[in-house]
Each structure stands twice: as structure tokens, then as C-alpha cells.
Amino acid sequence: MTLSELKTGKPAQIIGFETVNQSLETRLREIGFAEGDRVEVRHVGLFGRNPMSVRLNGTHIALRRAEAVAVIVELVN
């Protein structure tokens, strides 16, 4: 499942990245996304679910849905 598909309030763990655009993966890593980190969608915009507000390791980050598609996650309990 991708971060863009994750329901609001459901905690997940990042398990990898899947993108043909290497610069997008690099950008995501630079702002703090890494394998093993916990992430949770906190809020999504009304139109096209953009932007998304996510909590990553206690920090709130806003990103576009098109960027969230590149982050592969799995649900955690």
C-alpha cells in the first residue's frame, strides 16, 4: 500500500520507495522519510486529497498526493 492510500489516523511503517523519478526519492529522504519510520496521515485536502498532512516521527509534514504515491507502507498495530 502507498502512503497516498493510507486512511487518516491509521499508523503505518515505511517499508520502501517506488518511483521512476530518483530525485523524488532523494527529496523524500532529505525531508526525513526512511525505511522503518512510523507515519500517519493526519489530514487531507478537500479537492483531490491535496495537500496531505502526515506525522512522521513526531513532525508534521505537508506533501502532495503525487509524492505520497512513492512511499510504500504497511499497517502497524
C-alpha atoms as a PDB file:
ATOM      1  CA  MET A   1       0.000   0.000   0.000  1.00  0.00           C
ATOM      2  CA  THR A   2       1.204   3.533  -0.630  1.00  0.00           C
ATOM      3  CA  LEU A   3       1.094   6.479   1.738  1.00  0.00           C
ATOM      4  CA  SER A   4      -1.466   8.134  -0.540  1.00  0.00           C
ATOM      5  CA  GLU A   5      -3.847   5.190   0.070  1.00  0.00           C
ATOM      6  CA  LEU A   6      -3.466   5.198   3.858  1.00  0.00           C
ATOM      7  CA  LYS A   7      -6.606   6.200   5.749  1.00  0.00           C
ATOM      8  CA  THR A   8      -6.497   9.179   8.104  1.00  0.00           C
ATOM      9  CA  GLY A   9      -5.466   8.217  11.635  1.00  0.00           C
ATOM     10  CA  LYS A  10      -4.106   4.752  10.782  1.00  0.00           C
ATOM     11  CA  PRO A  11      -0.457   4.263  11.831  1.00  0.00           C
ATOM     12  CA  ALA A  12       1.889   2.632   9.350  1.00  0.00           C
ATOM     13  CA  GLN A  13       5.555   1.856   8.879  1.00  0.00           C
ATOM     14  CA  ILE A  14       7.554   2.852   5.816  1.00  0.00           C
ATOM     15  CA  ILE A  15       8.919  -0.233   4.061  1.00  0.00           C
ATOM     16  CA  GLY A  16      10.373   1.342   0.931  1.00  0.00           C
ATOM     17  CA  PHE A  17      10.031   3.658  -2.029  1.00  0.00           C
ATOM     18  CA  GLU A  18       8.813   3.015  -5.555  1.00  0.00           C
ATOM     19  CA  THR A  19       9.381   5.733  -8.110  1.00  0.00           C
ATOM     20  CA  VAL A  20      10.915   6.124 -11.531  1.00  0.00           C
ATOM     21  CA  ASN A  21      11.990   9.628 -10.545  1.00  0.00           C
ATOM     22  CA  GLN A  22      15.128   9.214  -8.429  1.00  0.00           C
ATOM     23  CA  SER A  23      15.106  12.900  -7.490  1.00  0.00           C
ATOM     24  CA  LEU A  24      11.693  12.445  -5.804  1.00  0.00           C
ATOM     25  CA  GLU A  25      13.033   9.607  -3.648  1.00  0.00           C
ATOM     26  CA  THR A  26      16.077  11.718  -2.777  1.00  0.00           C
ATOM     27  CA  ARG A  27      13.839  14.660  -1.821  1.00  0.00           C
ATOM     28  CA  LEU A  28      11.637  12.463   0.377  1.00  0.00           C
ATOM     29  CA  ARG A  29      14.711  11.063   2.131  1.00  0.00           C
ATOM     30  CA  GLU A  30      16.101  14.576   2.654  1.00  0.00           C
ATOM     31  CA  ILE A  31      12.950  15.710   4.466  1.00  0.00           C
ATOM     32  CA  GLY A  32      13.069  12.675   6.749  1.00  0.00           C
ATOM     33  CA  PHE A  33      11.303   9.690   5.166  1.00  0.00           C
ATOM     34  CA  ALA A  34      13.216   6.423   5.702  1.00  0.00           C
ATOM     35  CA  GLU A  35      12.511   2.708   5.911  1.00  0.00           C
ATOM     36  CA  GLY A  36      11.323   1.667   9.372  1.00  0.00           C
ATOM     37  CA  ASP A  37       9.873   5.068  10.296  1.00  0.00           C
ATOM     38  CA  ARG A  38       6.319   5.349  11.571  1.00  0.00           C
ATOM     39  CA  VAL A  39       3.969   7.589   9.628  1.00  0.00           C
ATOM     40  CA  GLU A  40       0.330   8.592   9.986  1.00  0.00           C
ATOM     41  CA  VAL A  41      -1.921  10.665   7.728  1.00  0.00           C
ATOM     42  CA  ARG A  42      -3.399  13.429   9.881  1.00  0.00           C
ATOM     43  CA  HIS A  43      -5.389  15.466   7.346  1.00  0.00           C
ATOM     44  CA  VAL A  44      -6.109  15.571   3.621  1.00  0.00           C
ATOM     45  CA  GLY A  45      -7.282  18.490   1.494  1.00  0.00           C
ATOM     46  CA  LEU A  46     -10.821  18.641   0.194  1.00  0.00           C
ATOM     47  CA  PHE A  47     -10.021  18.751  -3.510  1.00  0.00           C
ATOM     48  CA  GLY A  48      -8.144  15.737  -4.847  1.00  0.00           C
ATOM     49  CA  ARG A  49      -6.828  14.932  -1.333  1.00  0.00           C
ATOM     50  CA  ASN A  50      -4.159  17.635  -1.791  1.00  0.00           C
ATOM     51  CA  PRO A  51      -2.179  18.555   0.185  1.00  0.00           C
ATOM     52  CA  MET A  52      -1.758  15.783   2.740  1.00  0.00           C
ATOM     53  CA  SER A  53      -0.563  16.443   6.278  1.00  0.00           C
ATOM     54  CA  VAL A  54       1.360  13.497   7.713  1.00  0.00           C
ATOM     55  CA  ARG A  55       3.039  12.920  11.045  1.00  0.00           C
ATOM     56  CA  LEU A  56       6.487  11.433  10.610  1.00  0.00           C
ATOM     57  CA  ASN A  57       8.455  10.669  13.778  1.00  0.00           C
ATOM     58  CA  GLY A  58       6.539  13.366  15.686  1.00  0.00           C
ATOM     59  CA  THR A  59       6.936  16.026  12.996  1.00  0.00           C
ATOM     60  CA  HIS A  60       4.100  17.254  10.781  1.00  0.00           C
ATOM     61  CA  ILE A  61       4.926  17.410   7.084  1.00  0.00           C
ATOM     62  CA  ALA A  62       2.756  18.527   4.169  1.00  0.00           C
ATOM     63  CA  LEU A  63       3.176  16.842   0.815  1.00  0.00           C
ATOM     64  CA  ARG A  64       1.307  16.303  -2.412  1.00  0.00           C
ATOM     65  CA  ARG A  65      -0.579  13.110  -3.094  1.00  0.00           C
ATOM     66  CA  ALA A  66       1.640  12.583  -6.165  1.00  0.00           C
ATOM     67  CA  GLU A  67       4.647  12.488  -3.822  1.00  0.00           C
ATOM     68  CA  ALA A  68       2.919  10.207  -1.295  1.00  0.00           C
ATOM     69  CA  VAL A  69       2.393   7.589  -4.040  1.00  0.00           C
ATOM     70  CA  ALA A  70       6.142   6.899  -3.978  1.00  0.00           C
ATOM     71  CA  VAL A  71       6.173   5.900  -0.276  1.00  0.00           C
ATOM     72  CA  ILE A  72       5.351   2.219   0.352  1.00  0.00           C
ATOM     73  CA  VAL A  73       3.885   1.483   3.805  1.00  0.00           C
ATOM     74  CA  GLU A  74       2.378  -1.340   5.817  1.00  0.00           C
ATOM     75  CA  LEU A  75      -0.151  -1.001   8.635  1.00  0.00           C
ATOM     76  CA  VAL A  76       1.030  -1.453  12.211  1.00  0.00           C
ATOM     77  CA  ASN A  77      -0.967  -2.189  15.349  1.00  0.00           C
END
